[in-house]
């Protein structure tokens, strides 16, 4: 650990002044498996691992990709991994028993840290040039009742659509939906950065940004099961601290070139130009990763409003059923000296 990084870590309150790098280097690391949707929005996790922020917290993380929300929620329920980086709407759905029937109701699921808004934009095939052109078309979603589907429904409602004006087909996660779009299996879908950039470069149209239409939105969170978190509180707090430190590091202009190198090292098929464009979107001061890895409570209320409107259950108005702020609050406290 360099002197400058050591000083930075102390300055942002993630390490105590009497932290001993040598001692930390010899301590065994706790191993965690984190399941993610593939994409550039995992940048803070890449940085936290590659720059040693996780190791400073005594953690070694294996990043595991998923093919979609059903597979991810099934794996979380069965204990195939420890933490899921997922849309908080997925957590709400399964807590309420509105997720896929094969997984069932999961009241033990909860989020403990925020990451971003989801970076969602509505993207259409080249021949579709406006939202109004989507009438009568087939649109792609992860799953009908999760995976940002409700964001899509709300964007279309605000554009004057009724549910009978379009069809939806489940196609899986972002990678799967983008692949399906290129095969003309659907007229439009919601994509996150950098898939929206890839789409525009191929002549697809970015019709609108989700948050500009529906307002604040809590997208990705770190989630797990309450029983697991209670038994591994130290690891959960360490994960939050490392992730928050990585976001702080990413936003520093002097780290831009190294940040892009880290992104491309973890996504080796990403061209340099695309990585630079991704930097501009994911680290936009107003619309990028959430500072301090803090949950956007207004955005979480939007999630509950959408599920209350488009889901099959009752009105949802209690964020504490899906998010426990105590973990983030304890993680952000300066370590005792």
Protein backbone atom coordinates (compact mmCIF):
# COMPACT_ATOMS: atom_id res chain seq x y z
CA UNK A 1 0.00 0.00 0.00
CA UNK A 2 1.55 3.33 -1.10
CA UNK A 3 2.02 6.21 1.34
CA UNK A 4 -0.35 8.39 -0.69
CA UNK A 5 -3.07 5.75 -0.77
CA UNK A 6 -2.56 5.09 2.93
CA UNK A 7 -2.96 8.79 3.69
CA UNK A 8 -6.05 9.01 1.49
CA UNK A 9 -7.66 6.07 3.24
CA UNK A 10 -7.14 7.69 6.62
CA UNK A 11 -8.41 11.03 5.33
CA UNK A 12 -11.75 9.62 4.18
CA UNK A 13 -12.22 7.75 7.42
CA UNK A 14 -11.95 4.20 6.14
CA UNK A 15 -8.83 3.34 8.14
CA UNK A 16 -7.62 4.42 11.53
CA UNK A 17 -4.41 6.39 11.93
CA UNK A 18 -2.77 3.43 13.66
CA UNK A 19 -3.55 1.05 10.75
CA UNK A 20 -0.58 -1.28 10.22
CA UNK A 21 -0.18 -2.24 6.52
CA UNK A 22 2.37 -4.91 7.29
CA UNK A 23 0.13 -6.59 9.85
CA UNK A 24 -2.84 -6.42 7.49
CA UNK A 25 -0.80 -8.03 4.76
CA UNK A 26 -0.18 -11.12 6.87
CA UNK A 27 -3.73 -11.55 8.16
CA UNK A 28 -5.84 -14.15 6.32
CA UNK A 29 -8.50 -12.61 4.10
CA UNK A 30 -12.17 -13.49 4.43
CA UNK A 31 -13.40 -14.83 1.09
CA UNK A 32 -16.68 -13.54 -0.34
CA UNK A 33 -18.44 -14.31 -3.61
CA UNK A 34 -20.34 -11.41 -5.18
CA UNK A 35 -22.80 -12.11 -7.99
CA UNK A 36 -23.23 -9.36 -10.61
CA UNK A 37 -24.84 -8.53 -13.91
CA UNK A 38 -21.92 -8.16 -16.37
CA UNK A 39 -21.10 -4.61 -17.42
CA UNK A 40 -19.17 -1.43 -16.79
CA UNK A 41 -21.44 -0.55 -13.86
CA UNK A 42 -19.28 -3.01 -11.84
CA UNK A 43 -16.43 -0.51 -12.07
CA UNK A 44 -16.33 0.32 -8.33
CA UNK A 45 -16.07 -3.38 -7.54
CA UNK A 46 -13.21 -3.80 -10.00
CA UNK A 47 -11.41 -0.84 -8.44
CA UNK A 48 -12.09 -2.00 -4.88
CA UNK A 49 -10.49 -5.33 -5.69
CA UNK A 50 -7.65 -4.22 -7.98
CA UNK A 51 -6.57 -1.21 -5.91
CA UNK A 52 -6.60 -3.18 -2.67
CA UNK A 53 -9.50 -1.44 -0.92
CA UNK A 54 -11.14 -4.80 -0.24
CA UNK A 55 -7.90 -6.31 1.02
CA UNK A 56 -7.50 -3.35 3.37
CA UNK A 57 -10.81 -4.40 4.89
CA UNK A 58 -9.63 -7.99 5.20
CA UNK A 59 -11.68 -9.24 2.24
CA UNK A 60 -10.98 -11.26 -0.88
CA UNK A 61 -13.83 -11.12 -3.39
CA UNK A 62 -14.64 -13.42 -6.28
CA UNK A 63 -16.88 -11.75 -8.86
CA UNK A 64 -19.43 -14.13 -10.37
CA UNK A 65 -21.63 -13.18 -13.40
CA UNK A 66 -25.34 -13.93 -13.72
CA UNK A 67 -27.55 -14.39 -16.77
CA UNK A 68 -30.63 -12.70 -15.33
CA UNK A 69 -32.59 -11.72 -12.24
CA UNK A 70 -34.31 -15.08 -11.76
CA UNK A 71 -31.00 -16.95 -11.79
CA UNK A 72 -29.48 -14.38 -9.46
CA UNK A 73 -32.31 -14.39 -6.94
CA UNK A 74 -32.42 -18.20 -7.01
CA UNK A 75 -28.70 -18.31 -6.27
CA UNK A 76 -29.01 -15.80 -3.43
CA UNK A 77 -31.86 -17.79 -1.91
CA UNK A 78 -29.94 -21.07 -2.06
CA UNK A 79 -26.67 -19.61 -0.75
CA UNK A 80 -24.62 -20.10 -3.93
CA UNK A 81 -22.96 -16.75 -3.24
CA UNK A 82 -22.82 -14.21 -0.42
CA UNK A 83 -23.77 -10.86 -1.93
CA UNK A 84 -25.70 -9.82 -5.02
CA UNK A 85 -25.20 -6.54 -6.84
CA UNK A 86 -28.72 -6.21 -8.15
CA UNK A 87 -31.62 -3.89 -8.82
CA UNK A 88 -33.29 -3.11 -5.52
CA UNK A 89 -36.59 -3.74 -7.29
CA UNK A 90 -35.58 -7.42 -7.43
CA UNK A 91 -35.23 -7.44 -3.65
CA UNK A 92 -38.61 -5.77 -3.19
CA UNK A 93 -40.24 -8.25 -5.56
CA UNK A 94 -38.98 -11.34 -3.79
CA UNK A 95 -39.60 -10.02 -0.29
CA UNK A 96 -43.21 -9.44 -1.34
CA UNK A 97 -43.52 -12.80 -3.09
CA UNK A 98 -43.97 -11.16 -6.51
CA UNK A 99 -40.87 -12.66 -8.11
CA UNK A 100 -40.53 -15.85 -10.10
CA UNK A 101 -42.54 -18.70 -8.59
CA UNK A 102 -39.58 -21.07 -8.84
CA UNK A 103 -37.75 -18.97 -6.25
CA UNK A 104 -40.72 -18.18 -4.03
CA UNK A 105 -41.13 -15.51 -1.37
CA UNK A 106 -37.85 -14.44 0.26
CA UNK A 107 -38.55 -12.23 3.30
CA UNK A 108 -34.89 -12.52 4.38
CA UNK A 109 -33.59 -10.56 1.36
CA UNK A 110 -32.52 -6.94 1.93
CA UNK A 111 -30.24 -4.23 0.55
CA UNK A 112 -27.49 -2.69 2.65
CA UNK A 113 -25.70 -0.29 0.30
CA UNK A 114 -26.48 1.81 -2.76
CA UNK A 115 -24.52 2.05 -5.99
CA UNK A 116 -26.31 3.92 -8.77
CA UNK A 117 -29.54 4.79 -10.56
CA UNK A 118 -29.20 1.87 -12.94
CA UNK A 119 -28.01 4.19 -15.74
CA UNK A 120 -31.11 3.20 -17.68
CA UNK A 121 -32.07 4.51 -21.09
CA UNK A 122 -34.68 3.35 -23.57
CA UNK A 123 -32.93 2.15 -26.72
CA UNK A 124 -34.63 1.14 -29.98
CA UNK A 125 -33.64 -0.61 -33.20
CA UNK A 126 -32.55 1.71 -36.08
CA UNK A 127 -35.95 1.82 -37.79
CA UNK A 128 -37.67 3.03 -34.59
CA UNK A 129 -36.89 6.71 -34.19
CA UNK A 130 -39.34 7.87 -31.53
CA UNK A 131 -41.20 6.45 -28.55
CA UNK A 132 -44.48 6.79 -30.42
CA UNK A 133 -43.14 4.39 -33.07
CA UNK A 134 -43.18 1.62 -30.42
CA UNK A 135 -46.96 1.21 -30.62
CA UNK A 136 -47.79 -2.37 -31.52
CA UNK A 137 -44.17 -3.49 -31.12
CA UNK A 138 -42.52 -6.15 -28.98
CA UNK A 139 -40.27 -4.84 -26.19
CA UNK A 140 -37.67 -6.83 -24.28
CA UNK A 141 -37.42 -7.04 -20.47
CA UNK A 142 -35.40 -9.11 -18.03
CA UNK A 143 -38.56 -10.57 -16.48
CA UNK A 144 -42.11 -9.25 -16.64
CA UNK A 145 -42.30 -8.27 -12.98
CA UNK A 146 -38.65 -7.48 -12.15
CA UNK A 147 -35.47 -6.26 -13.77
CA UNK A 148 -36.55 -2.68 -14.43
CA UNK A 149 -39.66 -3.77 -16.32
CA UNK A 150 -41.78 -1.38 -14.25
CA UNK A 151 -39.51 1.51 -15.24
CA UNK A 152 -40.23 0.70 -18.86
CA UNK A 153 -43.97 0.49 -18.23
CA UNK A 154 -43.96 3.86 -16.46
CA UNK A 155 -41.94 5.56 -19.20
CA UNK A 156 -44.43 4.31 -21.78
CA UNK A 157 -47.45 5.32 -19.67
CA UNK A 158 -46.06 8.83 -19.40
CA UNK A 159 -45.74 8.86 -23.18
CA UNK A 160 -49.44 8.08 -23.50
CA UNK A 161 -49.27 4.30 -23.95
CA UNK A 162 -51.72 1.77 -22.54
CA UNK A 163 -50.63 -1.79 -21.74
CA UNK A 164 -52.47 -3.05 -24.83
CA UNK A 165 -50.33 -0.81 -27.07
CA UNK A 166 -47.24 -3.05 -26.88
CA UNK A 167 -46.07 -6.55 -25.98
CA UNK A 168 -43.22 -7.55 -23.66
CA UNK A 169 -41.03 -10.62 -23.90
CA UNK A 170 -38.60 -11.74 -21.15
CA UNK A 171 -35.09 -11.99 -22.58
CA UNK A 172 -32.75 -12.02 -19.56
CA UNK A 173 -30.09 -9.59 -18.36
CA UNK A 174 -28.49 -6.67 -20.16
CA UNK A 175 -26.07 -8.81 -22.19
CA UNK A 176 -28.86 -11.10 -23.31
CA UNK A 177 -31.21 -8.24 -24.21
CA UNK A 178 -28.57 -6.42 -26.22
CA UNK A 179 -27.78 -9.63 -28.12
CA UNK A 180 -31.48 -10.15 -28.79
CA UNK A 181 -31.89 -6.57 -30.00
CA UNK A 182 -29.11 -7.09 -32.55
CA UNK A 183 -31.04 -10.11 -33.87
CA UNK A 184 -34.14 -7.91 -34.19
CA UNK A 185 -36.00 -9.98 -31.59
CA UNK A 186 -37.49 -6.84 -30.08
CA UNK A 187 -38.03 -3.22 -31.06
CA UNK A 188 -36.65 -1.66 -27.86
CA UNK A 189 -35.42 -2.32 -24.36
CA UNK A 190 -33.84 -0.57 -21.39
CA UNK A 191 -30.05 -0.66 -21.51
CA UNK A 192 -27.40 0.56 -19.08
CA UNK A 193 -24.01 2.06 -19.86
CA UNK A 194 -21.97 0.97 -21.81
CA UNK A 195 -24.57 -1.01 -23.77
CA UNK A 196 -26.39 2.20 -24.71
CA UNK A 197 -23.14 3.56 -26.17
CA UNK A 198 -22.55 0.36 -28.13
CA UNK A 199 -26.09 0.59 -29.44
CA UNK A 200 -25.73 4.19 -30.62
CA UNK A 201 -22.49 3.34 -32.41
CA UNK A 202 -24.40 0.65 -34.36
CA UNK A 203 -27.17 3.00 -35.43
CA UNK A 204 -29.66 2.21 -32.67
CA UNK A 205 -31.52 5.13 -31.10
CA UNK A 206 -31.39 6.29 -27.48
CA UNK A 207 -34.95 7.53 -27.08
CA UNK A 208 -34.77 8.83 -23.49
CA UNK A 209 -33.04 8.54 -20.12
CA UNK A 210 -35.17 6.87 -17.46
CA UNK A 211 -34.44 9.29 -14.62
CA UNK A 212 -35.27 12.27 -16.85
CA UNK A 213 -38.73 10.77 -17.32
CA UNK A 214 -39.63 9.18 -13.98
CA UNK A 215 -37.41 11.16 -11.59
CA UNK A 216 -34.98 9.86 -8.92
CA UNK A 217 -34.52 6.10 -9.02
CA UNK A 218 -32.56 3.66 -6.91
CA UNK A 219 -31.11 1.09 -9.26
CA UNK A 220 -28.34 -1.25 -8.16
CA UNK A 221 -27.70 -2.08 -4.51
CA UNK A 222 -25.63 -4.59 -2.61
CA UNK A 223 -28.01 -7.18 -1.19
CA UNK A 224 -27.89 -10.36 0.83
CA UNK A 225 -29.93 -12.29 3.39
CA UNK A 226 -30.54 -10.78 6.83
CA UNK A 227 -29.38 -13.90 8.65
CA UNK A 228 -26.13 -14.02 6.69
CA UNK A 229 -25.46 -10.32 7.23
CA UNK A 230 -26.08 -10.59 10.97
CA UNK A 231 -23.55 -13.42 11.18
CA UNK A 232 -21.03 -11.57 8.97
CA UNK A 233 -21.51 -7.94 10.01
CA UNK A 234 -17.77 -7.19 9.95
CA UNK A 235 -17.52 -8.39 6.36
CA UNK A 236 -20.58 -6.41 5.31
CA UNK A 237 -19.20 -3.20 6.83
CA UNK A 238 -15.83 -3.83 5.21
CA UNK A 239 -17.45 -4.37 1.83
CA UNK A 240 -19.34 -1.07 2.12
CA UNK A 241 -16.19 0.81 3.10
CA UNK A 242 -14.19 -0.66 0.24
CA UNK A 243 -16.90 0.05 -2.32
CA UNK A 244 -17.36 3.62 -1.09
CA UNK A 245 -13.59 4.17 -1.20
CA UNK A 246 -13.53 2.90 -4.78
CA UNK A 247 -16.25 5.35 -5.86
CA UNK A 248 -14.37 8.18 -4.16
CA UNK A 249 -11.19 7.12 -6.00
CA UNK A 250 -13.00 6.93 -9.36
CA UNK A 251 -14.31 10.48 -9.09
CA UNK A 252 -10.83 11.99 -8.66
CA UNK A 253 -9.81 13.44 -12.07
CA UNK A 254 -6.18 12.44 -11.57
CA UNK A 255 -7.18 8.76 -11.52
CA UNK A 256 -9.00 8.86 -14.86
CA UNK A 257 -6.37 7.10 -17.00
CA UNK A 258 -5.72 4.38 -14.44
CA UNK A 259 -9.46 3.92 -13.91
CA UNK A 260 -9.93 3.31 -17.64
CA UNK A 261 -7.06 0.80 -17.61
CA UNK A 262 -8.71 -1.06 -14.73
CA UNK A 263 -12.05 -1.13 -16.56
CA UNK A 264 -10.49 -2.50 -19.73
CA UNK A 265 -8.44 -5.05 -17.80
CA UNK A 266 -11.65 -6.43 -16.31
CA UNK A 267 -13.61 -6.10 -19.57
CA UNK A 268 -10.89 -7.00 -22.08
CA UNK A 269 -13.18 -6.77 -25.11
CA UNK A 270 -13.96 -3.10 -24.41
CA UNK A 271 -12.18 -0.74 -26.86
CA UNK A 272 -10.43 2.27 -25.40
CA UNK A 273 -12.83 4.72 -27.04
CA UNK A 274 -15.82 2.95 -25.50
CA UNK A 275 -14.12 2.94 -22.10
CA UNK A 276 -13.56 6.69 -22.33
CA UNK A 277 -17.20 7.28 -23.26
CA UNK A 278 -18.26 5.02 -20.40
CA UNK A 279 -16.18 7.12 -18.01
CA UNK A 280 -18.12 10.20 -19.10
CA UNK A 281 -21.50 8.62 -18.33
CA UNK A 282 -20.83 6.51 -15.24
CA UNK A 283 -18.86 9.28 -13.56
CA UNK A 284 -21.04 12.19 -14.56
CA UNK A 285 -21.08 14.47 -11.46
CA UNK A 286 -24.90 14.66 -11.50
CA UNK A 287 -25.89 11.23 -12.82
CA UNK A 288 -23.00 8.91 -12.02
CA UNK A 289 -22.30 6.48 -9.20
CA UNK A 290 -23.77 7.56 -5.87
CA UNK A 291 -21.18 9.24 -3.67
CA UNK A 292 -20.39 7.27 -0.56
CA UNK A 293 -22.34 4.27 -1.90
CA UNK A 294 -25.40 5.75 -0.22
CA UNK A 295 -28.93 4.63 -1.06
CA UNK A 296 -31.04 7.34 -2.69
CA UNK A 297 -34.12 7.24 -0.48
CA UNK A 298 -36.24 9.28 -2.91
CA UNK A 299 -35.18 6.81 -5.58
CA UNK A 300 -36.14 3.87 -3.36
CA UNK A 301 -39.57 5.41 -2.83
CA UNK A 302 -39.91 5.62 -6.62
CA UNK A 303 -39.19 1.88 -6.80
CA UNK A 304 -41.93 1.21 -4.25
CA UNK A 305 -44.34 3.50 -6.09
CA UNK A 306 -43.76 1.69 -9.36
CA UNK A 307 -44.22 -1.74 -7.81
CA UNK A 308 -47.37 -0.54 -6.04
CA UNK A 309 -48.68 0.65 -9.41
CA UNK A 310 -47.64 -2.20 -11.70
CA UNK A 311 -47.19 -5.13 -9.33
CA UNK A 312 -49.79 -7.59 -8.16
CA UNK A 313 -49.62 -6.82 -4.45
CA UNK A 314 -50.67 -4.05 -2.05
CA UNK A 315 -49.34 -0.52 -1.81
CA UNK A 316 -45.74 -0.48 -0.57
CA UNK A 317 -44.56 2.41 1.58
CA UNK A 318 -42.06 1.05 4.12
CA UNK A 319 -38.46 1.17 2.78
CA UNK A 320 -37.14 -0.57 5.92
CA UNK A 321 -38.67 -3.84 4.70
CA UNK A 322 -36.08 -3.89 1.93
CA UNK A 323 -33.18 -1.73 3.14
CA UNK A 324 -31.39 -1.70 6.49
CA UNK A 325 -29.55 1.61 6.79
CA UNK A 326 -27.71 0.58 9.97
CA UNK A 327 -25.01 -1.26 8.06
CA UNK A 328 -24.16 1.75 5.89
CA UNK A 329 -24.31 4.10 8.90
CA UNK A 330 -21.96 1.91 10.96
CA UNK A 331 -19.59 1.49 8.01
CA UNK A 332 -19.28 5.24 7.54
CA UNK A 333 -18.35 5.88 11.15
CA UNK A 334 -14.63 6.56 11.64
CA UNK A 335 -12.88 3.51 13.13
CA UNK A 336 -12.09 3.77 16.83
CA UNK A 337 -8.56 4.91 17.61
